[in-house]
Amino acid sequence: MDSISVNKFRDHLKNYVEQVVNKHLPLKVTRRSGDDFVVVSAADWERQQETLYVLQNTDLIRQISESAATHTTGKGYSPTAEELHAITGV
Protein backbone atom coordinates (compact mmCIF):
# COMPACT_ATOMS: atom_id res chain seq x y z
CA MET A 1 0.00 0.00 0.00
CA ASP A 2 1.36 3.39 -0.97
CA SER A 3 1.72 6.01 1.74
CA ILE A 4 1.66 9.80 1.41
CA SER A 5 1.46 12.81 3.71
CA VAL A 6 -1.86 14.46 4.37
CA ASN A 7 -0.53 17.69 2.82
CA LYS A 8 0.37 15.93 -0.45
CA PHE A 9 -3.00 14.17 -0.41
CA ARG A 10 -4.84 17.47 0.07
CA ASP A 11 -2.85 19.20 -2.69
CA HIS A 12 -3.56 16.41 -5.21
CA LEU A 13 -6.90 15.14 -3.90
CA LYS A 14 -8.58 14.59 -7.27
CA ASN A 15 -5.64 12.62 -8.70
CA TYR A 16 -5.34 10.38 -5.64
CA VAL A 17 -9.07 9.71 -5.50
CA GLU A 18 -9.06 8.73 -9.19
CA GLN A 19 -6.08 6.43 -8.56
CA VAL A 20 -7.80 4.72 -5.62
CA VAL A 21 -11.06 4.24 -7.53
CA ASN A 22 -9.59 3.17 -10.88
CA LYS A 23 -6.70 0.99 -9.71
CA HIS A 24 -8.51 -0.48 -6.68
CA LEU A 25 -5.46 0.14 -4.50
CA PRO A 26 -5.91 1.63 -1.03
CA LEU A 27 -3.86 4.66 -0.09
CA LYS A 28 -2.50 5.31 3.41
CA VAL A 29 -2.44 8.98 4.35
CA THR A 30 -0.10 9.90 7.20
CA ARG A 31 -0.51 12.79 9.60
CA ARG A 32 2.02 14.44 11.88
CA SER A 33 -0.15 13.59 14.88
CA GLY A 34 0.29 9.92 14.07
CA ASP A 35 -3.39 9.30 13.38
CA ASP A 36 -3.13 7.87 9.87
CA PHE A 37 -6.09 6.91 7.71
CA VAL A 38 -6.69 4.82 4.61
CA VAL A 39 -8.59 5.86 1.49
CA VAL A 40 -10.38 3.04 -0.35
CA SER A 41 -13.10 3.05 -3.00
CA ALA A 42 -16.69 2.35 -1.98
CA ALA A 43 -16.80 -0.76 -4.20
CA ASP A 44 -13.65 -2.16 -2.57
CA TRP A 45 -15.01 -1.36 0.90
CA GLU A 46 -18.25 -3.22 0.16
CA ARG A 47 -16.34 -6.26 -1.15
CA GLN A 48 -14.21 -6.30 1.99
CA GLN A 49 -17.30 -6.11 4.21
CA GLU A 50 -18.91 -9.01 2.32
CA THR A 51 -15.72 -11.07 2.73
CA LEU A 52 -15.64 -10.34 6.47
CA TYR A 53 -19.28 -11.38 6.75
CA VAL A 54 -18.61 -14.70 5.02
CA LEU A 55 -15.50 -15.38 7.11
CA GLN A 56 -17.43 -14.72 10.33
CA ASN A 57 -20.29 -17.05 9.31
CA THR A 58 -19.12 -20.44 10.62
CA ASP A 59 -21.98 -22.37 8.98
CA LEU A 60 -21.18 -20.89 5.58
CA ILE A 61 -17.46 -21.59 5.98
CA ARG A 62 -18.31 -25.21 6.90
CA GLN A 63 -20.49 -25.53 3.77
CA ILE A 64 -17.72 -24.10 1.59
CA SER A 65 -15.19 -26.49 3.12
CA GLU A 66 -17.45 -29.50 2.61
CA SER A 67 -18.17 -28.45 -0.96
CA ALA A 68 -14.46 -28.08 -1.72
CA ALA A 69 -13.82 -31.55 -0.30
CA THR A 70 -16.54 -33.19 -2.40
CA HIS A 71 -15.35 -31.34 -5.49
CA THR A 72 -11.75 -32.47 -4.94
CA THR A 73 -12.78 -36.09 -4.59
CA GLY A 74 -15.23 -35.91 -7.51
CA LYS A 75 -18.15 -36.89 -5.27
CA GLY A 76 -20.10 -33.65 -5.52
CA TYR A 77 -23.40 -33.08 -7.30
CA SER A 78 -23.23 -33.14 -11.10
CA PRO A 79 -26.11 -31.41 -12.88
CA THR A 80 -27.76 -33.08 -15.85
CA ALA A 81 -27.37 -31.68 -19.36
CA GLU A 82 -30.86 -30.18 -19.09
CA GLU A 83 -29.99 -28.49 -15.78
CA LEU A 84 -26.77 -27.09 -17.24
CA HIS A 85 -28.70 -25.75 -20.22
CA ALA A 86 -31.25 -24.11 -17.88
CA ILE A 87 -28.47 -22.56 -15.81
CA THR A 88 -26.27 -21.32 -18.64
CA GLY A 89 -28.89 -20.77 -21.33
CA VAL A 90 -26.60 -22.44 -23.87
PDB file of N, CA and C in Angstrom:
ATOM      1  N   MET A   1       0.850  -1.168   0.000  1.00  0.00           N
ATOM      2  CA  MET A   1       0.000   0.000   0.000  1.00  0.00           C
ATOM      3  C   MET A   1       0.900   1.237   0.000  1.00  0.00           C
ATOM      4  N   ASP A   2       0.607   2.135  -0.924  1.00  0.00           N
ATOM      5  CA  ASP A   2       1.357   3.385  -0.971  1.00  0.00           C
ATOM      6  C   ASP A   2       0.988   4.260   0.220  1.00  0.00           C
ATOM      7  N   SER A   3       1.915   5.125   0.609  1.00  0.00           N
ATOM      8  CA  SER A   3       1.715   6.010   1.741  1.00  0.00           C
ATOM      9  C   SER A   3       2.163   7.419   1.363  1.00  0.00           C
ATOM     10  N   ILE A   4       1.324   8.403   1.693  1.00  0.00           N
ATOM     11  CA  ILE A   4       1.664   9.805   1.409  1.00  0.00           C
ATOM     12  C   ILE A   4       1.273  10.660   2.608  1.00  0.00           C
ATOM     13  N   SER A   5       1.810  11.881   2.631  1.00  0.00           N
ATOM     14  CA  SER A   5       1.462  12.812   3.712  1.00  0.00           C
ATOM     15  C   SER A   5       0.085  13.409   3.444  1.00  0.00           C
ATOM     16  N   VAL A   6      -0.552  13.853   4.503  1.00  0.00           N
ATOM     17  CA  VAL A   6      -1.864  14.463   4.373  1.00  0.00           C
ATOM     18  C   VAL A   6      -1.788  15.738   3.531  1.00  0.00           C
ATOM     19  N   ASN A   7      -0.669  16.473   3.614  1.00  0.00           N
ATOM     20  CA  ASN A   7      -0.528  17.689   2.816  1.00  0.00           C
ATOM     21  C   ASN A   7      -0.481  17.369   1.328  1.00  0.00           C
ATOM     22  N   LYS A   8       0.284  16.338   0.964  1.00  0.00           N
ATOM     23  CA  LYS A   8       0.368  15.934  -0.447  1.00  0.00           C
ATOM     24  C   LYS A   8      -0.985  15.414  -0.926  1.00  0.00           C
ATOM     25  N   PHE A   9      -1.676  14.674  -0.066  1.00  0.00           N
ATOM     26  CA  PHE A   9      -3.000  14.167  -0.408  1.00  0.00           C
ATOM     27  C   PHE A   9      -3.964  15.320  -0.672  1.00  0.00           C
ATOM     28  N   ARG A  10      -3.956  16.310   0.214  1.00  0.00           N
ATOM     29  CA  ARG A  10      -4.839  17.469   0.068  1.00  0.00           C
ATOM     30  C   ARG A  10      -4.531  18.229  -1.217  1.00  0.00           C
ATOM     31  N   ASP A  11      -3.239  18.424  -1.512  1.00  0.00           N
ATOM     32  CA  ASP A  11      -2.847  19.197  -2.688  1.00  0.00           C
ATOM     33  C   ASP A  11      -3.205  18.502  -4.004  1.00  0.00           C
ATOM     34  N   HIS A  12      -3.295  17.169  -3.980  1.00  0.00           N
ATOM     35  CA  HIS A  12      -3.562  16.410  -5.207  1.00  0.00           C
ATOM     36  C   HIS A  12      -4.754  15.477  -5.013  1.00  0.00           C
ATOM     37  N   LEU A  13      -5.752  15.957  -4.285  1.00  0.00           N
ATOM     38  CA  LEU A  13      -6.898  15.142  -3.900  1.00  0.00           C
ATOM     39  C   LEU A  13      -7.547  14.435  -5.087  1.00  0.00           C
ATOM     40  N   LYS A  14      -7.875  15.178  -6.120  1.00  0.00           N
ATOM     41  CA  LYS A  14      -8.576  14.592  -7.266  1.00  0.00           C
ATOM     42  C   LYS A  14      -7.771  13.453  -7.884  1.00  0.00           C
ATOM     43  N   ASN A  15      -6.475  13.654  -8.084  1.00  0.00           N
ATOM     44  CA  ASN A  15      -5.639  12.623  -8.696  1.00  0.00           C
ATOM     45  C   ASN A  15      -5.570  11.365  -7.831  1.00  0.00           C
ATOM     46  N   TYR A  16      -5.428  11.535  -6.524  1.00  0.00           N
ATOM     47  CA  TYR A  16      -5.336  10.377  -5.637  1.00  0.00           C
ATOM     48  C   TYR A  16      -6.662   9.629  -5.542  1.00  0.00           C
ATOM     49  N   VAL A  17      -7.760  10.363  -5.536  1.00  0.00           N
ATOM     50  CA  VAL A  17      -9.068   9.711  -5.501  1.00  0.00           C
ATOM     51  C   VAL A  17      -9.272   8.901  -6.777  1.00  0.00           C
ATOM     52  N   GLU A  18      -8.939   9.464  -7.917  1.00  0.00           N
ATOM     53  CA  GLU A  18      -9.057   8.734  -9.187  1.00  0.00           C
ATOM     54  C   GLU A  18      -8.194   7.483  -9.169  1.00  0.00           C
ATOM     55  N   GLN A  19      -7.004   7.581  -8.633  1.00  0.00           N
ATOM     56  CA  GLN A  19      -6.085   6.435  -8.559  1.00  0.00           C
ATOM     57  C   GLN A  19      -6.677   5.328  -7.692  1.00  0.00           C
ATOM     58  N   VAL A  20      -7.214   5.698  -6.546  1.00  0.00           N
ATOM     59  CA  VAL A  20      -7.796   4.717  -5.624  1.00  0.00           C
ATOM     60  C   VAL A  20      -8.999   4.028  -6.273  1.00  0.00           C
ATOM     61  N   VAL A  21      -9.846   4.794  -6.929  1.00  0.00           N
ATOM     62  CA  VAL A  21     -11.059   4.236  -7.527  1.00  0.00           C
ATOM     63  C   VAL A  21     -10.727   3.384  -8.751  1.00  0.00           C
ATOM     64  N   ASN A  22      -9.863   3.875  -9.620  1.00  0.00           N
ATOM     65  CA  ASN A  22      -9.591   3.172 -10.882  1.00  0.00           C
ATOM     66  C   ASN A  22      -8.654   1.979 -10.745  1.00  0.00           C
ATOM     67  N   LYS A  23      -7.678   2.074  -9.857  1.00  0.00           N
ATOM     68  CA  LYS A  23      -6.699   0.987  -9.713  1.00  0.00           C
ATOM     69  C   LYS A  23      -7.048   0.023  -8.586  1.00  0.00           C
ATOM     70  N   HIS A  24      -8.071   0.360  -7.807  1.00  0.00           N
ATOM     71  CA  HIS A  24      -8.507  -0.480  -6.684  1.00  0.00           C
ATOM     72  C   HIS A  24      -7.373  -0.760  -5.703  1.00  0.00           C
ATOM     73  N   LEU A  25      -6.547   0.256  -5.466  1.00  0.00           N
ATOM     74  CA  LEU A  25      -5.458   0.143  -4.501  1.00  0.00           C
ATOM     75  C   LEU A  25      -5.693   1.143  -3.379  1.00  0.00           C
ATOM     76  N   PRO A  26      -5.735   0.685  -2.132  1.00  0.00           N
ATOM     77  CA  PRO A  26      -5.915   1.629  -1.030  1.00  0.00           C
ATOM     78  C   PRO A  26      -4.704   2.539  -0.885  1.00  0.00           C
ATOM     79  N   LEU A  27      -4.917   3.676  -0.281  1.00  0.00           N
ATOM     80  CA  LEU A  27      -3.860   4.664  -0.090  1.00  0.00           C
ATOM     81  C   LEU A  27      -3.823   5.070   1.377  1.00  0.00           C
ATOM     82  N   LYS A  28      -2.663   4.909   2.009  1.00  0.00           N
ATOM     83  CA  LYS A  28      -2.495   5.306   3.415  1.00  0.00           C
ATOM     84  C   LYS A  28      -2.044   6.765   3.449  1.00  0.00           C
ATOM     85  N   VAL A  29      -2.758   7.560   4.212  1.00  0.00           N
ATOM     86  CA  VAL A  29      -2.436   8.976   4.353  1.00  0.00           C
ATOM     87  C   VAL A  29      -1.939   9.192   5.777  1.00  0.00           C
ATOM     88  N   THR A  30      -0.723   9.717   5.895  1.00  0.00           N
ATOM     89  CA  THR A  30      -0.103   9.897   7.202  1.00  0.00           C
ATOM     90  C   THR A  30      -0.251  11.339   7.680  1.00  0.00           C
ATOM     91  N   ARG A  31      -0.388  11.476   8.983  1.00  0.00           N
ATOM     92  CA  ARG A  31      -0.507  12.793   9.596  1.00  0.00           C
ATOM     93  C   ARG A  31       0.581  12.945  10.641  1.00  0.00           C
ATOM     94  N   ARG A  32       0.971  14.168  10.884  1.00  0.00           N
ATOM     95  CA  ARG A  32       2.018  14.437  11.883  1.00  0.00           C
ATOM     96  C   ARG A  32       1.621  13.953  13.260  1.00  0.00           C
ATOM     97  N   SER A  33       0.325  14.004  13.556  1.00  0.00           N
ATOM     98  CA  SER A  33      -0.152  13.589  14.885  1.00  0.00           C
ATOM     99  C   SER A  33      -0.070  12.070  15.070  1.00  0.00           C
ATOM    100  N   GLY A  34       0.181  11.359  13.977  1.00  0.00           N
ATOM    101  CA  GLY A  34       0.291   9.916  14.071  1.00  0.00           C
ATOM    102  C   GLY A  34      -1.008   9.182  13.810  1.00  0.00           C
ATOM    103  N   ASP A  35      -2.092   9.912  13.672  1.00  0.00           N
ATOM    104  CA  ASP A  35      -3.392   9.297  13.382  1.00  0.00           C
ATOM    105  C   ASP A  35      -3.568   9.176  11.870  1.00  0.00           C
ATOM    106  N   ASP A  36      -3.047   8.088  11.312  1.00  0.00           N
ATOM    107  CA  ASP A  36      -3.131   7.875   9.871  1.00  0.00           C
ATOM    108  C   ASP A  36      -4.518   7.382   9.487  1.00  0.00           C
ATOM    109  N   PHE A  37      -4.836   7.469   8.196  1.00  0.00           N
ATOM    110  CA  PHE A  37      -6.092   6.914   7.705  1.00  0.00           C
ATOM    111  C   PHE A  37      -5.864   6.334   6.313  1.00  0.00           C
ATOM    112  N   VAL A  38      -6.801   5.506   5.892  1.00  0.00           N
ATOM    113  CA  VAL A  38      -6.694   4.822   4.610  1.00  0.00           C
ATOM    114  C   VAL A  38      -7.857   5.240   3.736  1.00  0.00           C
ATOM    115  N   VAL A  39      -7.566   5.522   2.469  1.00  0.00           N
ATOM    116  CA  VAL A  39      -8.591   5.862   1.488  1.00  0.00           C
ATOM    117  C   VAL A  39      -8.797   4.642   0.599  1.00  0.00           C
ATOM    118  N   VAL A  40     -10.052   4.209   0.477  1.00  0.00           N
ATOM    119  CA  VAL A  40     -10.383   3.042  -0.348  1.00  0.00           C
ATOM    120  C   VAL A  40     -11.708   3.331  -1.049  1.00  0.00           C
ATOM    121  N   SER A  41     -11.873   2.791  -2.255  1.00  0.00           N
ATOM    122  CA  SER A  41     -13.103   3.053  -3.003  1.00  0.00           C
ATOM    123  C   SER A  41     -14.294   2.391  -2.321  1.00  0.00           C
ATOM    124  N   ALA A  42     -15.473   2.908  -2.580  1.00  0.00           N
ATOM    125  CA  ALA A  42     -16.689   2.349  -1.977  1.00  0.00           C
ATOM    126  C   ALA A  42     -16.893   0.903  -2.424  1.00  0.00           C
ATOM    127  N   ALA A  43     -16.635   0.608  -3.685  1.00  0.00           N
ATOM    128  CA  ALA A  43     -16.801  -0.760  -4.196  1.00  0.00           C
ATOM    129  C   ALA A  43     -15.861  -1.720  -3.474  1.00  0.00           C
ATOM    130  N   ASP A  44     -14.612  -1.313  -3.279  1.00  0.00           N
ATOM    131  CA  ASP A  44     -13.655  -2.156  -2.573  1.00  0.00           C
ATOM    132  C   ASP A  44     -14.060  -2.340  -1.119  1.00  0.00           C
ATOM    133  N   TRP A  45     -14.557  -1.294  -0.492  1.00  0.00           N
ATOM    134  CA  TRP A  45     -15.009  -1.365   0.901  1.00  0.00           C
ATOM    135  C   TRP A  45     -16.149  -2.378   1.032  1.00  0.00           C
ATOM    136  N   GLU A  46     -17.113  -2.303   0.112  1.00  0.00           N
ATOM    137  CA  GLU A  46     -18.247  -3.221   0.164  1.00  0.00           C
ATOM    138  C   GLU A  46     -17.789  -4.664  -0.026  1.00  0.00           C
ATOM    139  N   ARG A  47     -16.863  -4.909  -0.951  1.00  0.00           N
ATOM    140  CA  ARG A  47     -16.338  -6.265  -1.147  1.00  0.00           C
ATOM    141  C   ARG A  47     -15.649  -6.768   0.112  1.00  0.00           C
ATOM    142  N   GLN A  48     -14.901  -5.907   0.757  1.00  0.00           N
ATOM    143  CA  GLN A  48     -14.215  -6.302   1.990  1.00  0.00           C
ATOM    144  C   GLN A  48     -15.216  -6.632   3.096  1.00  0.00           C
ATOM    145  N   GLN A  49     -16.273  -5.855   3.191  1.00  0.00           N
ATOM    146  CA  GLN A  49     -17.298  -6.106   4.209  1.00  0.00           C
ATOM    147  C   GLN A  49     -18.003  -7.433   3.943  1.00  0.00           C
ATOM    148  N   GLU A  50     -18.286  -7.736   2.665  1.00  0.00           N
ATOM    149  CA  GLU A  50     -18.906  -9.014   2.317  1.00  0.00           C
ATOM    150  C   GLU A  50     -17.982 -10.177   2.669  1.00  0.00           C
ATOM    151  N   THR A  51     -16.696 -10.020   2.399  1.00  0.00           N
ATOM    152  CA  THR A  51     -15.723 -11.068   2.729  1.00  0.00           C
ATOM    153  C   THR A  51     -15.681 -11.289   4.232  1.00  0.00           C
ATOM    154  N   LEU A  52     -15.644 -10.213   5.002  1.00  0.00           N
ATOM    155  CA  LEU A  52     -15.639 -10.344   6.466  1.00  0.00           C
ATOM    156  C   LEU A  52     -16.893 -11.046   6.969  1.00  0.00           C
ATOM    157  N   TYR A  53     -18.031 -10.738   6.359  1.00  0.00           N
ATOM    158  CA  TYR A  53     -19.285 -11.382   6.755  1.00  0.00           C
ATOM    159  C   TYR A  53     -19.207 -12.888   6.520  1.00  0.00           C
ATOM    160  N   VAL A  54     -18.719 -13.278   5.340  1.00  0.00           N
ATOM    161  CA  VAL A  54     -18.605 -14.705   5.019  1.00  0.00           C
ATOM    162  C   VAL A  54     -17.643 -15.385   5.986  1.00  0.00           C
ATOM    163  N   LEU A  55     -16.496 -14.771   6.236  1.00  0.00           N
ATOM    164  CA  LEU A  55     -15.500 -15.378   7.112  1.00  0.00           C
ATOM    165  C   LEU A  55     -15.981 -15.514   8.555  1.00  0.00           C
ATOM    166  N   GLN A  56     -16.899 -14.662   8.967  1.00  0.00           N
ATOM    167  CA  GLN A  56     -17.429 -14.724  10.329  1.00  0.00           C
ATOM    168  C   GLN A  56     -18.607 -15.684  10.460  1.00  0.00           C
ATOM    169  N   ASN A  57     -19.148 -16.150   9.321  1.00  0.00           N
ATOM    170  CA  ASN A  57     -20.290 -17.051   9.315  1.00  0.00           C
ATOM    171  C   ASN A  57     -19.778 -18.492   9.312  1.00  0.00           C
ATOM    172  N   THR A  58     -19.722 -19.103  10.494  1.00  0.00           N
ATOM    173  CA  THR A  58     -19.122 -20.436  10.615  1.00  0.00           C
ATOM    174  C   THR A  58     -19.888 -21.495   9.828  1.00  0.00           C
ATOM    175  N   ASP A  59     -21.210 -21.396   9.759  1.00  0.00           N
ATOM    176  CA  ASP A  59     -21.985 -22.366   8.978  1.00  0.00           C
ATOM    177  C   ASP A  59     -21.646 -22.276   7.495  1.00  0.00           C
ATOM    178  N   LEU A  60     -21.517 -21.076   6.998  1.00  0.00           N
ATOM    179  CA  LEU A  60     -21.179 -20.892   5.584  1.00  0.00           C
ATOM    180  C   LEU A  60     -19.770 -21.388   5.288  1.00  0.00           C
ATOM    181  N   ILE A  61     -18.834 -21.111   6.161  1.00  0.00           N
ATOM    182  CA  ILE A  61     -17.458 -21.595   5.985  1.00  0.00           C
ATOM    183  C   ILE A  61     -17.436 -23.122   5.982  1.00  0.00           C
ATOM    184  N   ARG A  62     -18.221 -23.749   6.850  1.00  0.00           N
ATOM    185  CA  ARG A  62     -18.309 -25.207   6.899  1.00  0.00           C
ATOM    186  C   ARG A  62     -18.859 -25.747   5.579  1.00  0.00           C
ATOM    187  N   GLN A  63     -19.904 -25.106   5.041  1.00  0.00           N
ATOM    188  CA  GLN A  63     -20.486 -25.532   3.770  1.00  0.00           C
ATOM    189  C   GLN A  63     -19.477 -25.399   2.628  1.00  0.00           C
ATOM    190  N   ILE A  64     -18.732 -24.318   2.624  1.00  0.00           N
ATOM    191  CA  ILE A  64     -17.719 -24.104   1.586  1.00  0.00           C
ATOM    192  C   ILE A  64     -16.640 -25.170   1.682  1.00  0.00           C
ATOM    193  N   SER A  65     -16.212 -25.473   2.893  1.00  0.00           N
ATOM    194  CA  SER A  65     -15.190 -26.486   3.116  1.00  0.00           C
ATOM    195  C   SER A  65     -15.670 -27.868   2.664  1.00  0.00           C
ATOM    196  N   GLU A  66     -16.888 -28.212   3.021  1.00  0.00           N
ATOM    197  CA  GLU A  66     -17.446 -29.500   2.609  1.00  0.00           C
ATOM    198  C   GLU A  66     -17.596 -29.568   1.094  1.00  0.00           C
ATOM    199  N   SER A  67     -18.012 -28.494   0.495  1.00  0.00           N
ATOM    200  CA  SER A  67     -18.169 -28.449  -0.963  1.00  0.00           C
ATOM    201  C   SER A  67     -16.830 -28.600  -1.660  1.00  0.00           C
ATOM    202  N   ALA A  68     -15.803 -27.961  -1.140  1.00  0.00           N
ATOM    203  CA  ALA A  68     -14.464 -28.077  -1.724  1.00  0.00           C
ATOM    204  C   ALA A  68     -13.963 -29.514  -1.615  1.00  0.00           C
ATOM    205  N   ALA A  69     -14.260 -30.157  -0.493  1.00  0.00           N
ATOM    206  CA  ALA A  69     -13.820 -31.546  -0.301  1.00  0.00           C
ATOM    207  C   ALA A  69     -14.522 -32.479  -1.282  1.00  0.00           C
ATOM    208  N   THR A  70     -15.826 -32.326  -1.460  1.00  0.00           N
ATOM    209  CA  THR A  70     -16.541 -33.191  -2.401  1.00  0.00           C
ATOM    210  C   THR A  70     -16.118 -32.910  -3.838  1.00  0.00           C
ATOM    211  N   HIS A  71     -15.809 -31.681  -4.136  1.00  0.00           N
ATOM    212  CA  HIS A  71     -15.345 -31.338  -5.487  1.00  0.00           C
ATOM    213  C   HIS A  71     -13.982 -31.983  -5.764  1.00  0.00           C
ATOM    214  N   THR A  72     -13.095 -31.904  -4.790  1.00  0.00           N
ATOM    215  CA  THR A  72     -11.747 -32.466  -4.936  1.00  0.00           C
ATOM    216  C   THR A  72     -11.796 -33.975  -5.167  1.00  0.00           C
ATOM    217  N   THR A  73     -12.693 -34.639  -4.462  1.00  0.00           N
ATOM    218  CA  THR A  73     -12.782 -36.089  -4.586  1.00  0.00           C
ATOM    219  C   THR A  73     -13.698 -36.526  -5.729  1.00  0.00           C
ATOM    220  N   GLY A  74     -14.336 -35.572  -6.394  1.00  0.00           N
ATOM    221  CA  GLY A  74     -15.232 -35.906  -7.506  1.00  0.00           C
ATOM    222  C   GLY A  74     -16.547 -36.505  -7.059  1.00  0.00           C
ATOM    223  N   LYS A  75     -16.925 -36.294  -5.810  1.00  0.00           N
ATOM    224  CA  LYS A  75     -18.148 -36.888  -5.272  1.00  0.00           C
ATOM    225  C   LYS A  75     -19.275 -35.870  -5.117  1.00  0.00           C
ATOM    226  N   GLY A  76     -19.080 -34.682  -5.643  1.00  0.00           N
ATOM    227  CA  GLY A  76     -20.102 -33.653  -5.520  1.00  0.00           C
ATOM    228  C   GLY A  76     -21.237 -33.845  -6.499  1.00  0.00           C
ATOM    229  N   TYR A  77     -22.234 -33.020  -6.418  1.00  0.00           N
ATOM    230  CA  TYR A  77     -23.402 -33.085  -7.297  1.00  0.00           C
ATOM    231  C   TYR A  77     -23.000 -32.686  -8.712  1.00  0.00           C
ATOM    232  N   SER A  78     -23.463 -33.450  -9.687  1.00  0.00           N
ATOM    233  CA  SER A  78     -23.226 -33.135 -11.103  1.00  0.00           C
ATOM    234  C   SER A  78     -24.570 -32.906 -11.764  1.00  0.00           C
ATOM    235  N   PRO A  79     -24.815 -31.690 -12.253  1.00  0.00           N
ATOM    236  CA  PRO A  79     -26.112 -31.413 -12.882  1.00  0.00           C
ATOM    237  C   PRO A  79     -26.245 -32.165 -14.207  1.00  0.00           C
ATOM    238  N   THR A  80     -27.492 -32.432 -14.573  1.00  0.00           N
ATOM    239  CA  THR A  80     -27.758 -33.082 -15.851  1.00  0.00           C
ATOM    240  C   THR A  80     -27.537 -32.075 -16.974  1.00  0.00           C
ATOM    241  N   ALA A  81     -27.526 -32.563 -18.195  1.00  0.00           N
ATOM    242  CA  ALA A  81     -27.369 -31.683 -19.362  1.00  0.00           C
ATOM    243  C   ALA A  81     -28.494 -30.665 -19.423  1.00  0.00           C
ATOM    244  N   GLU A  82     -29.703 -31.090 -19.088  1.00  0.00           N
ATOM    245  CA  GLU A  82     -30.862 -30.179 -19.090  1.00  0.00           C
ATOM    246  C   GLU A  82     -30.694 -29.087 -18.027  1.00  0.00           C
ATOM    247  N   GLU A  83     -30.215 -29.463 -16.848  1.00  0.00           N
ATOM    248  CA  GLU A  83     -29.989 -28.493 -15.784  1.00  0.00           C
ATOM    249  C   GLU A  83     -28.903 -27.498 -16.164  1.00  0.00           C
ATOM    250  N   LEU A  84     -27.832 -27.994 -16.777  1.00  0.00           N
ATOM    251  CA  LEU A  84     -26.768 -27.089 -17.240  1.00  0.00           C
ATOM    252  C   LEU A  84     -27.291 -26.114 -18.278  1.00  0.00           C
ATOM    253  N   HIS A  85     -28.115 -26.607 -19.183  1.00  0.00           N
ATOM    254  CA  HIS A  85     -28.703 -25.750 -20.219  1.00  0.00           C
ATOM    255  C   HIS A  85     -29.582 -24.677 -19.572  1.00  0.00           C
ATOM    256  N   ALA A  86     -30.390 -25.069 -18.575  1.00  0.00           N
ATOM    257  CA  ALA A  86     -31.250 -24.109 -17.883  1.00  0.00           C
ATOM    258  C   ALA A  86     -30.441 -23.056 -17.146  1.00  0.00           C
ATOM    259  N   ILE A  87     -29.307 -23.485 -16.579  1.00  0.00           N
ATOM    260  CA  ILE A  87     -28.466 -22.558 -15.809  1.00  0.00           C
ATOM    261  C   ILE A  87     -27.725 -21.595 -16.731  1.00  0.00           C
ATOM    262  N   THR A  88     -27.125 -22.139 -17.772  1.00  0.00           N
ATOM    263  CA  THR A  88     -26.272 -21.318 -18.639  1.00  0.00           C
ATOM    264  C   THR A  88     -27.012 -20.706 -19.816  1.00  0.00           C
ATOM    265  N   GLY A  89     -28.144 -21.285 -20.184  1.00  0.00           N
ATOM    266  CA  GLY A  89     -28.887 -20.772 -21.331  1.00  0.00           C
ATOM    267  C   GLY A  89     -28.202 -21.067 -22.652  1.00  0.00           C
ATOM    268  N   VAL A  90     -27.320 -22.071 -22.658  1.00  0.00           N
ATOM    269  CA  VAL A  90     -26.598 -22.435 -23.870  1.00  0.00           C
ATOM    270  C   VAL A  90     -27.167 -23.702 -24.451  1.00  0.00           C
TER     271      VAL A  90
END
